[in-house]
N, C-alpha and C. Protein backbone atom coordinates (compact mmCIF):
# COMPACT_ATOMS: atom_id res chain seq x y z
N MET A 1 14.12 6.56 33.35
CA MET A 1 14.47 4.98 32.29
C MET A 1 14.18 4.09 32.24
N MET A 2 13.11 3.90 33.54
CA MET A 2 12.28 2.98 34.04
C MET A 2 10.86 2.73 33.48
N ILE A 3 10.33 4.00 33.48
CA ILE A 3 9.42 4.44 33.04
C ILE A 3 9.29 4.31 31.89
N LEU A 4 10.28 4.46 30.63
CA LEU A 4 10.78 4.66 29.11
C LEU A 4 10.47 3.13 28.58
N GLY A 5 11.12 2.09 29.37
CA GLY A 5 11.25 0.97 29.44
C GLY A 5 9.67 0.38 30.10
N ILE A 6 8.92 0.53 30.64
CA ILE A 6 7.61 -0.08 30.93
C ILE A 6 6.71 0.61 29.98
N GLY A 7 6.79 1.59 29.41
CA GLY A 7 5.53 2.64 28.70
C GLY A 7 6.14 1.46 27.03
N LEU A 8 7.38 1.32 26.87
CA LEU A 8 7.78 0.38 25.55
C LEU A 8 7.11 -1.42 25.57
N LEU A 9 7.10 -1.75 26.67
CA LEU A 9 7.01 -2.88 27.21
C LEU A 9 5.30 -2.91 26.64
N ALA A 10 4.68 -1.93 27.49
CA ALA A 10 3.20 -1.87 27.23
C ALA A 10 2.60 -1.49 25.93
N LEU A 11 3.10 -0.79 24.85
CA LEU A 11 3.04 -0.38 23.69
C LEU A 11 3.06 -1.70 22.83
N ILE A 12 4.45 -2.64 23.13
CA ILE A 12 4.89 -3.80 22.83
C ILE A 12 2.89 -4.70 22.87
N ALA A 13 2.96 -5.15 23.59
CA ALA A 13 1.86 -5.90 24.03
C ALA A 13 0.65 -5.06 23.80
N VAL A 14 0.39 -3.78 23.02
CA VAL A 14 -0.88 -3.30 22.31
C VAL A 14 -0.59 -3.41 21.30
N SER A 15 0.31 -3.41 20.20
CA SER A 15 0.71 -3.73 19.04
C SER A 15 0.53 -5.47 18.94
N ALA A 16 1.11 -6.16 19.86
CA ALA A 16 1.02 -7.14 19.58
C ALA A 16 -0.27 -7.91 19.24
N PHE A 17 -1.15 -7.23 20.09
CA PHE A 17 -3.03 -7.27 20.50
C PHE A 17 -3.05 -6.82 18.95
N ALA A 18 -2.93 -6.14 18.30
CA ALA A 18 -3.47 -5.30 17.02
C ALA A 18 -3.07 -6.54 16.12
N ILE A 19 -1.75 -7.13 16.11
CA ILE A 19 -1.75 -7.54 15.04
C ILE A 19 -2.62 -9.09 14.92
N VAL A 20 -2.72 -9.33 15.71
CA VAL A 20 -3.79 -10.38 16.16
C VAL A 20 -5.29 -10.49 15.53
N ARG A 21 -5.82 -9.12 16.00
CA ARG A 21 -7.02 -8.68 16.13
C ARG A 21 -7.44 -8.02 14.70
N THR A 22 -6.45 -7.76 13.73
CA THR A 22 -6.69 -7.45 12.28
C THR A 22 -7.08 -8.33 11.26
N ASP A 23 -7.85 -7.64 10.31
CA ASP A 23 -8.01 -9.03 9.33
C ASP A 23 -7.77 -8.39 8.42
N ASP A 24 -7.32 -7.61 7.95
CA ASP A 24 -6.87 -7.32 6.70
C ASP A 24 -5.14 -7.75 6.60
N VAL A 25 -5.04 -8.57 5.92
CA VAL A 25 -3.46 -9.05 5.78
C VAL A 25 -2.50 -7.91 5.59
N THR A 26 -2.85 -7.06 4.77
CA THR A 26 -1.78 -5.71 4.40
C THR A 26 -1.40 -4.90 5.88
N ASN A 27 -2.64 -4.56 6.92
CA ASN A 27 -2.85 -3.94 7.69
C ASN A 27 -2.10 -4.66 9.14
N GLN A 28 -1.95 -5.80 8.76
CA GLN A 28 -1.57 -6.80 9.44
C GLN A 28 0.19 -7.14 9.24
N VAL A 29 0.55 -6.58 7.74
CA VAL A 29 1.90 -6.65 8.08
C VAL A 29 2.51 -5.54 8.44
N ILE A 30 1.47 -4.08 8.07
CA ILE A 30 2.40 -2.76 8.81
C ILE A 30 2.52 -2.75 10.28
N ALA A 31 1.40 -3.46 10.79
CA ALA A 31 0.92 -3.77 12.49
C ALA A 31 2.85 -4.45 12.48
N LEU A 32 3.10 -5.43 11.86
CA LEU A 32 4.21 -6.10 11.93
C LEU A 32 5.37 -5.47 11.98
N SER A 33 5.60 -4.72 11.45
CA SER A 33 6.55 -3.80 10.89
C SER A 33 6.79 -2.90 12.20
N PHE A 34 5.70 -2.56 12.57
CA PHE A 34 5.49 -1.36 13.67
C PHE A 34 6.41 -1.88 15.12
N TYR A 35 5.63 -3.16 14.88
CA TYR A 35 5.95 -4.32 16.34
C TYR A 35 7.77 -4.58 16.27
N GLY A 36 8.09 -5.06 14.91
CA GLY A 36 9.41 -5.13 15.38
C GLY A 36 10.44 -3.63 15.19
N LEU A 37 9.57 -2.39 14.92
CA LEU A 37 10.85 -0.88 15.00
C LEU A 37 10.37 -0.78 17.20
N LEU A 38 9.43 -1.42 17.61
CA LEU A 38 9.00 -0.95 18.94
C LEU A 38 9.75 -2.27 19.56
N PHE A 39 10.33 -2.99 19.20
CA PHE A 39 11.25 -3.95 19.43
C PHE A 39 12.70 -3.61 19.28
N ALA A 40 12.83 -3.28 18.34
CA ALA A 40 14.28 -2.53 18.29
C ALA A 40 14.36 -1.44 19.05
N LEU A 41 13.43 -0.40 19.33
CA LEU A 41 13.71 0.33 20.49
C LEU A 41 13.46 -0.02 22.15
N MET A 42 13.02 -0.83 21.91
CA MET A 42 13.30 -1.53 23.46
C MET A 42 14.22 -1.92 23.60
N PHE A 43 15.25 -2.52 22.62
CA PHE A 43 16.48 -3.40 23.07
C PHE A 43 17.62 -1.85 22.83
N PHE A 44 17.20 -1.22 21.86
CA PHE A 44 18.47 0.26 22.39
C PHE A 44 18.07 0.71 23.52
N VAL A 45 16.70 0.80 24.01
CA VAL A 45 16.97 1.34 25.27
C VAL A 45 16.92 0.50 26.33
N PHE A 46 17.13 -0.35 26.55
CA PHE A 46 18.08 -1.46 27.45
C PHE A 46 19.24 -2.15 27.02
N GLN A 47 19.90 -0.85 26.55
CA GLN A 47 21.23 -1.06 26.31
C GLN A 47 22.16 -1.84 25.46
N SER A 48 21.30 -2.64 24.37
CA SER A 48 21.72 -3.51 23.58
C SER A 48 21.76 -3.38 21.93
N PRO A 49 22.41 -2.13 21.63
CA PRO A 49 22.37 -1.28 20.20
C PRO A 49 22.41 -2.65 19.15
N ASP A 50 23.54 -3.19 19.19
CA ASP A 50 23.46 -4.49 18.40
C ASP A 50 22.93 -5.20 18.23
N VAL A 51 21.73 -5.88 19.07
CA VAL A 51 20.40 -6.79 19.02
C VAL A 51 19.39 -5.92 18.01
N ALA A 52 19.66 -4.50 18.20
CA ALA A 52 18.68 -3.67 17.62
C ALA A 52 18.70 -3.46 16.29
N LEU A 53 20.23 -3.05 15.87
CA LEU A 53 20.27 -2.99 14.44
C LEU A 53 19.94 -4.35 13.77
N SER A 54 19.86 -5.19 14.77
CA SER A 54 19.45 -6.54 13.75
C SER A 54 18.05 -6.94 13.88
N GLN A 55 17.71 -6.27 15.06
CA GLN A 55 15.91 -6.38 15.24
C GLN A 55 15.18 -5.18 13.68
N VAL A 56 15.95 -4.16 13.97
CA VAL A 56 15.33 -3.07 12.69
C VAL A 56 15.77 -3.99 11.39
N THR A 57 16.53 -5.10 10.94
CA THR A 57 17.11 -5.54 9.78
C THR A 57 15.73 -6.49 9.53
N VAL A 58 15.65 -7.47 10.59
CA VAL A 58 15.00 -8.67 10.55
C VAL A 58 13.43 -8.12 10.44
N GLY A 59 13.03 -8.06 11.60
CA GLY A 59 12.00 -7.66 12.31
C GLY A 59 10.85 -6.40 11.50
N ALA A 60 11.71 -5.58 10.95
CA ALA A 60 10.96 -4.24 10.62
C ALA A 60 11.16 -4.14 8.87
N ILE A 61 12.29 -4.83 8.61
CA ILE A 61 12.15 -4.69 7.12
C ILE A 61 12.06 -6.29 6.55
N ALA A 62 12.56 -7.01 6.58
CA ALA A 62 13.01 -8.53 6.01
C ALA A 62 11.58 -9.30 6.06
N LEU A 63 11.35 -9.47 6.99
CA LEU A 63 10.40 -9.94 7.21
C LEU A 63 8.64 -9.53 6.97
N PRO A 64 8.68 -8.34 7.17
CA PRO A 64 6.67 -7.89 6.72
C PRO A 64 7.60 -7.90 4.92
N LEU A 65 8.70 -7.63 4.46
CA LEU A 65 8.75 -7.72 3.09
C LEU A 65 8.85 -9.36 2.37
N MET A 66 9.02 -10.22 3.13
CA MET A 66 8.89 -12.13 2.66
C MET A 66 7.64 -11.97 2.59
N VAL A 67 6.72 -11.41 3.80
CA VAL A 67 5.27 -11.89 4.16
C VAL A 67 4.68 -11.38 2.61
N MET A 68 5.17 -9.52 2.71
CA MET A 68 3.89 -9.37 1.74
C MET A 68 3.86 -9.99 -0.15
N LEU A 69 5.39 -10.17 0.06
CA LEU A 69 5.88 -10.93 -1.23
C LEU A 69 5.28 -12.68 -1.33
N ALA A 70 5.25 -12.89 -0.28
CA ALA A 70 4.55 -14.56 -0.39
C ALA A 70 2.75 -14.46 -0.69
N ILE A 71 2.60 -13.67 -0.02
CA ILE A 71 1.24 -12.78 -0.46
C ILE A 71 0.85 -12.98 -1.61
N THR A 72 1.25 -11.54 -2.28
CA THR A 72 1.52 -11.42 -3.79
C THR A 72 1.37 -12.71 -4.59
N ARG A 73 2.75 -13.89 -3.96
CA ARG A 73 2.80 -14.45 -4.99
C ARG A 73 1.45 -15.71 -5.04
N MET A 74 1.05 -15.94 -3.43
CA MET A 74 -0.38 -16.52 -3.89
C MET A 74 -1.31 -16.26 -4.54
N LYS A 75 -1.64 -15.06 -4.30
CA LYS A 75 -2.92 -13.94 -5.08
C LYS A 75 -2.16 -14.31 -6.67
N HIS A 76 -1.55 -13.81 -7.12
CA HIS A 76 -0.88 -14.30 -8.42
C HIS A 76 -1.43 -16.05 -8.92
N ARG A 77 -0.45 -16.69 -8.39
CA ARG A 77 -1.00 -17.69 -8.72
C ARG A 77 -2.73 -18.23 -8.59
N GLU A 78 -3.34 -17.62 -7.44
CA GLU A 78 -4.93 -17.91 -7.65
C GLU A 78 -5.73 -17.51 -9.16
N GLU A 79 -4.99 -16.33 -9.52
CA GLU A 79 -5.30 -15.85 -10.50
C GLU A 79 -5.34 -16.35 -11.90
N LEU A 80 -3.84 -17.04 -12.19
CA LEU A 80 -3.41 -17.41 -13.01
C LEU A 80 -4.39 -19.40 -12.94
N LYS A 81 -4.82 -19.33 -11.67
CA LYS A 81 -5.44 -21.04 -11.65
C LYS A 81 -6.96 -20.86 -11.99
N ARG A 82 -7.13 -19.67 -11.79
CA ARG A 82 -8.54 -19.48 -12.03
C ARG A 82 -8.87 -18.78 -13.74
N HIS A 83 -8.08 -18.22 -14.35
CA HIS A 83 -7.98 -17.94 -15.86
C HIS A 83 -7.76 -19.07 -16.48
N LYS A 84 -7.04 -20.48 -16.15
CA LYS A 84 -6.60 -21.60 -16.70
C LYS A 84 -8.08 -22.23 -16.46
N GLU A 85 -8.73 -22.47 -15.50
CA GLU A 85 -10.11 -22.82 -15.42
C GLU A 85 -10.89 -22.38 -16.12
N GLU A 86 -10.89 -20.66 -16.46
CA GLU A 86 -12.41 -20.22 -17.40
C GLU A 86 -11.77 -20.70 -18.72
N LYS A 87 -10.11 -20.56 -18.86
CA LYS A 87 -10.14 -20.87 -20.63
C LYS A 87 -10.42 -22.51 -20.66
N GLY A 88 -10.27 -23.54 -20.40
CA GLY A 88 -10.45 -24.47 -20.38
C GLY A 88 -11.78 -24.99 -20.34
N LYS A 89 -12.65 -23.93 -19.96
CA LYS A 89 -14.24 -24.58 -20.54
C LYS A 89 -14.90 -23.79 -21.29
């Protein structure tokens, strides 16, 4: 059990580094979702299933979804602004 916990902590550290080093936003969000799943698995292994369930809901589903929606909205606003500027000229 101890080796599994140490392995999970190492995977969490590697995935956190991957999130920071990734340039593409979509890949960052996918890595963030994987990071949330690893945390949920860690909580489950360390015998905290209620926190693990909350982590799956928030860290692996809700947060990446909110980030992707915000990025999509920002891109859409930029396109509308660019279109209005071109139309005004």
